[in-house]
Amino acid sequence: MAAALSPERPFTVPIQGEFDGIAPTGRQVAIRVIDIVRIAGNQLKEHWNVIDVNGRFEQLS
């Protein structure tokens, strides 16, 4: 069994619609994501991702 962790990969998206009760602003918001996968027998068996939700909401407020 092997596990792999991707580096943090930030990406930027514009807020074009209402999000969790917050009105759209059109501003760019950076979202940080980390992916973790488990590989067994040369097959991807599990995939998890971690999203920085607090960082996203700090940018929206």
N, C-alpha and C. Protein backbone atom coordinates (compact mmCIF):
# COMPACT_ATOMS: atom_id res chain seq x y z
N MET A 1 0.85 -1.18 0.00
CA MET A 1 0.00 0.00 0.00
C MET A 1 0.89 1.24 0.00
N ALA A 2 0.54 2.19 -0.82
CA ALA A 2 1.29 3.45 -0.89
C ALA A 2 0.33 4.61 -0.71
N ALA A 3 0.81 5.63 -0.07
CA ALA A 3 0.00 6.85 0.10
C ALA A 3 0.80 8.00 -0.48
N ALA A 4 0.09 8.94 -1.06
CA ALA A 4 0.75 10.10 -1.65
C ALA A 4 0.04 11.36 -1.21
N LEU A 5 0.80 12.40 -1.00
CA LEU A 5 0.26 13.69 -0.59
C LEU A 5 0.70 14.71 -1.62
N SER A 6 -0.26 15.41 -2.19
CA SER A 6 0.11 16.44 -3.18
C SER A 6 0.49 17.71 -2.45
N PRO A 7 1.31 18.52 -3.08
CA PRO A 7 1.59 19.82 -2.47
C PRO A 7 0.31 20.66 -2.46
N GLU A 8 0.29 21.63 -1.59
CA GLU A 8 -0.85 22.54 -1.55
C GLU A 8 -0.97 23.19 -2.91
N ARG A 9 -2.19 23.19 -3.45
CA ARG A 9 -2.37 23.82 -4.75
C ARG A 9 -3.46 24.87 -4.66
N PRO A 10 -3.04 26.11 -4.60
CA PRO A 10 -4.04 27.18 -4.57
C PRO A 10 -4.57 27.45 -5.97
N PHE A 11 -5.83 27.77 -6.07
CA PHE A 11 -6.37 28.25 -7.33
C PHE A 11 -7.31 29.40 -7.03
N THR A 12 -7.57 30.21 -8.02
CA THR A 12 -8.33 31.43 -7.83
C THR A 12 -9.59 31.38 -8.66
N VAL A 13 -10.71 31.76 -8.04
CA VAL A 13 -12.00 31.78 -8.73
C VAL A 13 -12.71 33.09 -8.42
N PRO A 14 -13.52 33.59 -9.36
CA PRO A 14 -14.32 34.78 -9.07
C PRO A 14 -15.62 34.36 -8.38
N ILE A 15 -16.09 35.18 -7.46
CA ILE A 15 -17.36 34.91 -6.80
C ILE A 15 -18.46 35.57 -7.64
N GLN A 16 -19.16 34.75 -8.44
CA GLN A 16 -20.13 35.27 -9.40
C GLN A 16 -21.57 35.04 -8.96
N GLY A 17 -21.78 34.22 -7.96
CA GLY A 17 -23.13 33.95 -7.48
C GLY A 17 -23.14 33.93 -5.96
N GLU A 18 -24.31 33.90 -5.39
CA GLU A 18 -24.42 33.84 -3.93
C GLU A 18 -23.74 32.59 -3.42
N PHE A 19 -23.00 32.72 -2.35
CA PHE A 19 -22.28 31.59 -1.78
C PHE A 19 -22.51 31.58 -0.28
N ASP A 20 -23.21 30.59 0.20
CA ASP A 20 -23.46 30.43 1.63
C ASP A 20 -24.05 31.71 2.25
N GLY A 21 -24.98 32.33 1.52
CA GLY A 21 -25.65 33.52 2.03
C GLY A 21 -24.89 34.82 1.81
N ILE A 22 -23.73 34.74 1.17
CA ILE A 22 -22.93 35.93 0.90
C ILE A 22 -23.18 36.35 -0.55
N ALA A 23 -23.53 37.62 -0.74
CA ALA A 23 -23.84 38.13 -2.07
C ALA A 23 -22.60 38.09 -2.97
N PRO A 24 -22.79 37.91 -4.28
CA PRO A 24 -21.65 37.88 -5.20
C PRO A 24 -20.95 39.23 -5.26
N THR A 25 -19.63 39.16 -5.36
CA THR A 25 -18.83 40.40 -5.41
C THR A 25 -18.04 40.52 -6.71
N GLY A 26 -17.83 39.41 -7.41
CA GLY A 26 -16.99 39.41 -8.60
C GLY A 26 -15.51 39.39 -8.28
N ARG A 27 -15.16 39.53 -6.99
CA ARG A 27 -13.75 39.49 -6.59
C ARG A 27 -13.18 38.09 -6.77
N GLN A 28 -11.87 38.02 -6.95
CA GLN A 28 -11.17 36.74 -7.03
C GLN A 28 -10.90 36.24 -5.61
N VAL A 29 -11.15 34.97 -5.39
CA VAL A 29 -10.90 34.35 -4.09
C VAL A 29 -9.94 33.18 -4.30
N ALA A 30 -8.87 33.14 -3.53
CA ALA A 30 -7.91 32.03 -3.60
C ALA A 30 -8.39 30.91 -2.69
N ILE A 31 -8.43 29.70 -3.23
CA ILE A 31 -8.84 28.54 -2.44
C ILE A 31 -7.67 27.58 -2.41
N ARG A 32 -7.26 27.19 -1.20
CA ARG A 32 -6.13 26.27 -1.02
C ARG A 32 -6.66 24.86 -0.81
N VAL A 33 -6.07 23.91 -1.52
CA VAL A 33 -6.52 22.51 -1.48
C VAL A 33 -5.30 21.61 -1.36
N ILE A 34 -5.44 20.54 -0.59
CA ILE A 34 -4.43 19.48 -0.53
C ILE A 34 -5.14 18.17 -0.84
N ASP A 35 -4.55 17.35 -1.72
CA ASP A 35 -5.11 16.05 -2.06
C ASP A 35 -4.24 14.95 -1.46
N ILE A 36 -4.90 13.92 -0.95
CA ILE A 36 -4.24 12.75 -0.39
C ILE A 36 -4.86 11.54 -1.07
N VAL A 37 -4.03 10.65 -1.59
CA VAL A 37 -4.55 9.45 -2.26
C VAL A 37 -3.88 8.21 -1.68
N ARG A 38 -4.59 7.09 -1.78
CA ARG A 38 -4.02 5.79 -1.40
C ARG A 38 -4.05 4.91 -2.64
N ILE A 39 -2.90 4.36 -2.96
CA ILE A 39 -2.76 3.51 -4.13
C ILE A 39 -2.40 2.11 -3.67
N ALA A 40 -3.07 1.11 -4.21
CA ALA A 40 -2.76 -0.29 -3.90
C ALA A 40 -2.90 -1.09 -5.20
N GLY A 41 -1.93 -1.93 -5.46
CA GLY A 41 -1.99 -2.75 -6.67
C GLY A 41 -2.09 -1.91 -7.94
N ASN A 42 -1.35 -0.84 -8.00
CA ASN A 42 -1.35 0.07 -9.15
C ASN A 42 -2.72 0.68 -9.44
N GLN A 43 -3.59 0.73 -8.44
CA GLN A 43 -4.91 1.34 -8.61
C GLN A 43 -5.14 2.37 -7.52
N LEU A 44 -5.80 3.44 -7.90
CA LEU A 44 -6.21 4.45 -6.93
C LEU A 44 -7.37 3.88 -6.13
N LYS A 45 -7.18 3.71 -4.84
CA LYS A 45 -8.19 3.09 -4.00
C LYS A 45 -9.00 4.11 -3.20
N GLU A 46 -8.33 5.18 -2.75
CA GLU A 46 -9.02 6.21 -1.96
C GLU A 46 -8.47 7.57 -2.32
N HIS A 47 -9.32 8.58 -2.18
CA HIS A 47 -8.92 9.96 -2.44
C HIS A 47 -9.59 10.86 -1.41
N TRP A 48 -8.80 11.68 -0.78
CA TRP A 48 -9.32 12.67 0.17
C TRP A 48 -8.81 14.03 -0.27
N ASN A 49 -9.57 15.05 -0.02
CA ASN A 49 -9.02 16.39 -0.21
C ASN A 49 -9.40 17.25 0.98
N VAL A 50 -8.54 18.19 1.26
CA VAL A 50 -8.70 19.11 2.37
C VAL A 50 -8.77 20.51 1.79
N ILE A 51 -9.84 21.22 2.08
CA ILE A 51 -10.03 22.57 1.57
C ILE A 51 -9.96 23.55 2.74
N ASP A 52 -9.22 24.63 2.55
CA ASP A 52 -9.09 25.65 3.59
C ASP A 52 -10.36 26.51 3.61
N VAL A 53 -11.37 26.02 4.31
CA VAL A 53 -12.67 26.70 4.37
C VAL A 53 -12.55 28.03 5.12
N ASN A 54 -11.81 28.06 6.22
CA ASN A 54 -11.67 29.31 6.98
C ASN A 54 -11.01 30.40 6.14
N GLY A 55 -9.97 30.04 5.39
CA GLY A 55 -9.30 31.02 4.54
C GLY A 55 -10.23 31.57 3.47
N ARG A 56 -11.09 30.69 2.95
CA ARG A 56 -12.05 31.13 1.93
C ARG A 56 -13.03 32.13 2.52
N PHE A 57 -13.56 31.83 3.70
CA PHE A 57 -14.55 32.74 4.30
C PHE A 57 -13.92 34.06 4.75
N GLU A 58 -12.66 34.03 5.16
CA GLU A 58 -11.98 35.28 5.53
C GLU A 58 -11.91 36.23 4.33
N GLN A 59 -11.72 35.70 3.15
CA GLN A 59 -11.65 36.51 1.95
C GLN A 59 -13.02 37.05 1.53
N LEU A 60 -14.06 36.33 1.89
CA LEU A 60 -15.42 36.74 1.49
C LEU A 60 -16.01 37.81 2.41
N SER A 61 -15.53 37.85 3.65
CA SER A 61 -16.12 38.80 4.61
C SER A 61 -15.44 40.14 4.58
